[in-house]
C-alpha atoms as a PDB file:
ATOM      1  CA  MET A   1    -153.292-225.795 -81.458  1.00  0.00           C
ATOM      2  CA  SER A   2    -155.453-225.353 -84.535  1.00  0.00           C
ATOM      3  CA  PRO A   3    -157.078-228.464 -86.053  1.00  0.00           C
ATOM      4  CA  PHE A   4    -154.996-227.991 -89.222  1.00  0.00           C
ATOM      5  CA  LEU A   5    -151.689-227.957 -87.317  1.00  0.00           C
ATOM      6  CA  PHE A   6    -152.785-230.894 -85.164  1.00  0.00           C
ATOM      7  CA  GLU A   7    -153.555-232.970 -88.282  1.00  0.00           C
ATOM      8  CA  TYR A   8    -150.246-231.952 -89.901  1.00  0.00           C
ATOM      9  CA  TYR A   9    -148.132-232.834 -86.865  1.00  0.00           C
ATOM     10  CA  SER A  10    -150.046-236.064 -86.227  1.00  0.00           C
ATOM     11  CA  LYS A  11    -149.284-237.284 -89.755  1.00  0.00           C
ATOM     12  CA  TRP A  12    -145.649-236.184 -89.445  1.00  0.00           C
ATOM     13  CA  MET A  13    -145.204-238.019 -86.146  1.00  0.00           C
ATOM     14  CA  GLU A  14    -146.717-241.195 -87.596  1.00  0.00           C
ATOM     15  CA  ALA A  15    -144.292-241.267 -90.514  1.00  0.00           C
ATOM     16  CA  ILE A  16    -142.341-244.492 -90.315  1.00  0.00           C
ATOM     17  CA  PHE A  17    -139.736-245.606 -92.779  1.00  0.00           C
ATOM     18  CA  TYR A  18    -138.376-249.093 -93.180  1.00  0.00           C
ATOM     19  CA  THR A  19    -135.121-250.608 -94.323  1.00  0.00           C
ATOM     20  CA  TYR A  20    -135.679-254.124 -95.579  1.00  0.00           C
ATOM     21  CA  VAL A  21    -133.891-257.155 -96.961  1.00  0.00           C
ATOM     22  CA  LEU A  22    -135.476-259.457 -99.522  1.00  0.00           C
ATOM     23  CA  TYR A  23    -134.214-262.894-100.447  1.00  0.00           C
ATOM     24  CA  SER A  24    -134.792-264.945-103.580  1.00  0.00           C
ATOM     25  CA  GLU A  25    -134.377-268.631-102.733  1.00  0.00           C
ATOM     26  CA  VAL A  26    -134.593-269.590-106.407  1.00  0.00           C
ATOM     27  CA  HIS A  27    -131.631-267.406-107.415  1.00  0.00           C
ATOM     28  CA  CYS A  28    -129.801-267.082-104.044  1.00  0.00           C
ATOM     29  CA  LYS A  29    -129.918-263.274-104.332  1.00  0.00           C
ATOM     30  CA  THR A  30    -130.547-260.571-101.756  1.00  0.00           C
ATOM     31  CA  TYR A  31    -131.942-257.079-102.227  1.00  0.00           C
ATOM     32  CA  VAL A  32    -131.701-254.198 -99.743  1.00  0.00           C
ATOM     33  CA  GLY A  33    -133.944-251.149 -99.910  1.00  0.00           C
ATOM     34  CA  TYR A  34    -135.957-248.611 -97.922  1.00  0.00           C
ATOM     35  CA  THR A  35    -139.592-247.532 -98.109  1.00  0.00           C
ATOM     36  CA  SER A  36    -142.450-245.926 -96.210  1.00  0.00           C
ATOM     37  CA  ASN A  37    -144.850-248.765 -97.159  1.00  0.00           C
ATOM     38  CA  LEU A  38    -143.217-252.092 -96.413  1.00  0.00           C
ATOM     39  CA  ILE A  39    -146.053-254.407 -97.417  1.00  0.00           C
ATOM     40  CA  GLY A  40    -146.754-252.499-100.625  1.00  0.00           C
ATOM     41  CA  ARG A  41    -143.090-252.470-101.563  1.00  0.00           C
ATOM     42  CA  VAL A  42    -142.663-256.231-101.126  1.00  0.00           C
ATOM     43  CA  GLU A  43    -145.799-256.762-103.215  1.00  0.00           C
ATOM     44  CA  ALA A  44    -144.406-254.430-105.902  1.00  0.00           C
ATOM     45  CA  HIS A  45    -141.134-256.387-106.068  1.00  0.00           C
ATOM     46  CA  ASN A  46    -143.139-259.586-106.639  1.00  0.00           C
ATOM     47  CA  HIS A  47    -145.681-258.113-109.059  1.00  0.00           C
ATOM     48  CA  PRO A  48    -145.673-259.661-112.562  1.00  0.00           C
ATOM     49  CA  GLN A  49    -145.504-256.197-114.186  1.00  0.00           C
ATOM     50  CA  ASN A  50    -142.402-255.184-112.220  1.00  0.00           C
ATOM     51  CA  LYS A  51    -139.852-254.014-114.787  1.00  0.00           C
ATOM     52  CA  GLY A  52    -136.834-253.557-112.509  1.00  0.00           C
ATOM     53  CA  TRP A  53    -133.840-255.707-111.562  1.00  0.00           C
ATOM     54  CA  THR A  54    -135.887-257.587-108.991  1.00  0.00           C
ATOM     55  CA  LYS A  55    -138.241-258.984-111.665  1.00  0.00           C
ATOM     56  CA  ARG A  56    -135.541-261.380-112.919  1.00  0.00           C
ATOM     57  CA  HIS A  57    -135.138-262.938-109.475  1.00  0.00           C
ATOM     58  CA  GLN A  58    -138.744-263.374-108.322  1.00  0.00           C
ATOM     59  CA  PRO A  59    -140.208-264.558-106.030  1.00  0.00           C
ATOM     60  CA  TRP A  60    -138.870-262.505-103.127  1.00  0.00           C
ATOM     61  CA  ILE A  61    -139.430-263.109 -99.426  1.00  0.00           C
ATOM     62  CA  LEU A  62    -138.907-260.554 -96.685  1.00  0.00           C
ATOM     63  CA  ILE A  63    -136.199-261.831 -94.355  1.00  0.00           C
ATOM     64  CA  TYR A  64    -135.419-258.679 -92.345  1.00  0.00           C
ATOM     65  CA  SER A  65    -136.776-255.200 -91.678  1.00  0.00           C
ATOM     66  CA  GLU A  66    -136.138-252.310 -89.306  1.00  0.00           C
ATOM     67  CA  SER A  67    -138.293-249.219 -88.723  1.00  0.00           C
ATOM     68  CA  PHE A  68    -137.035-245.645 -88.412  1.00  0.00           C
ATOM     69  CA  PRO A  69    -138.692-242.316 -87.611  1.00  0.00           C
ATOM     70  CA  THR A  70    -137.037-240.511 -90.540  1.00  0.00           C
ATOM     71  CA  LYS A  71    -136.291-241.230 -94.163  1.00  0.00           C
ATOM     72  CA  SER A  72    -132.655-240.226 -93.738  1.00  0.00           C
ATOM     73  CA  ALA A  73    -132.182-242.746 -90.900  1.00  0.00           C
ATOM     74  CA  ALA A  74    -133.652-245.526 -93.066  1.00  0.00           C
ATOM     75  CA  MET A  75    -131.419-244.509 -95.988  1.00  0.00           C
ATOM     76  CA  HIS A  76    -128.366-244.529 -93.715  1.00  0.00           C
ATOM     77  CA  ARG A  77    -129.169-248.040 -92.495  1.00  0.00           C
ATOM     78  CA  GLU A  78    -129.666-249.177 -96.104  1.00  0.00           C
ATOM     79  CA  LEU A  79    -126.128-248.034 -96.887  1.00  0.00           C
ATOM     80  CA  GLU A  80    -124.814-249.855 -93.812  1.00  0.00           C
ATOM     81  CA  LEU A  81    -126.508-253.086 -94.909  1.00  0.00           C
ATOM     82  CA  LYS A  82    -124.988-252.727 -98.382  1.00  0.00           C
ATOM     83  CA  SER A  83    -121.479-252.483 -96.913  1.00  0.00           C
ATOM     84  CA  TYR A  84    -119.219-255.491 -96.346  1.00  0.00           C
ATOM     85  CA  ARG A  85    -120.202-255.771 -92.678  1.00  0.00           C
ATOM     86  CA  GLY A  86    -123.855-255.374 -93.589  1.00  0.00           C
ATOM     87  CA  ARG A  87    -123.626-258.165 -96.158  1.00  0.00           C
ATOM     88  CA  GLU A  88    -121.997-260.372 -93.538  1.00  0.00           C
ATOM     89  CA  PHE A  89    -124.921-259.622 -91.203  1.00  0.00           C
ATOM     90  CA  ILE A  90    -127.403-260.529 -93.955  1.00  0.00           C
ATOM     91  CA  LYS A  91    -125.544-263.804 -94.624  1.00  0.00           C
ATOM     92  CA  SER A  92    -125.926-264.674 -90.937  1.00  0.00           C
ATOM     93  CA  LEU A  93    -129.719-264.454 -91.365  1.00  0.00           C
ATOM     94  CA  LEU A  94    -129.784-267.054 -94.141  1.00  0.00           C
END
């Protein structure tokens, strides 16, 4: 295998995606999302310059995460966690 192909496949095989659940104790809110950089994403949700929905409910703590080999698998699990049964599962973690 050429060095170029080896580098390409090595990076592809290392790709890990995460589905995560954040919790705001101050506001009793949960947030479910997916990312390829879990630590960076949690930091972004808590950053003072965050302009999204999660800014209003800071600070956030990570209460649950799962890793997946593909983005589509992580997205599918995110949808499951946002369903009624998924929300019940999240409530059991609190």
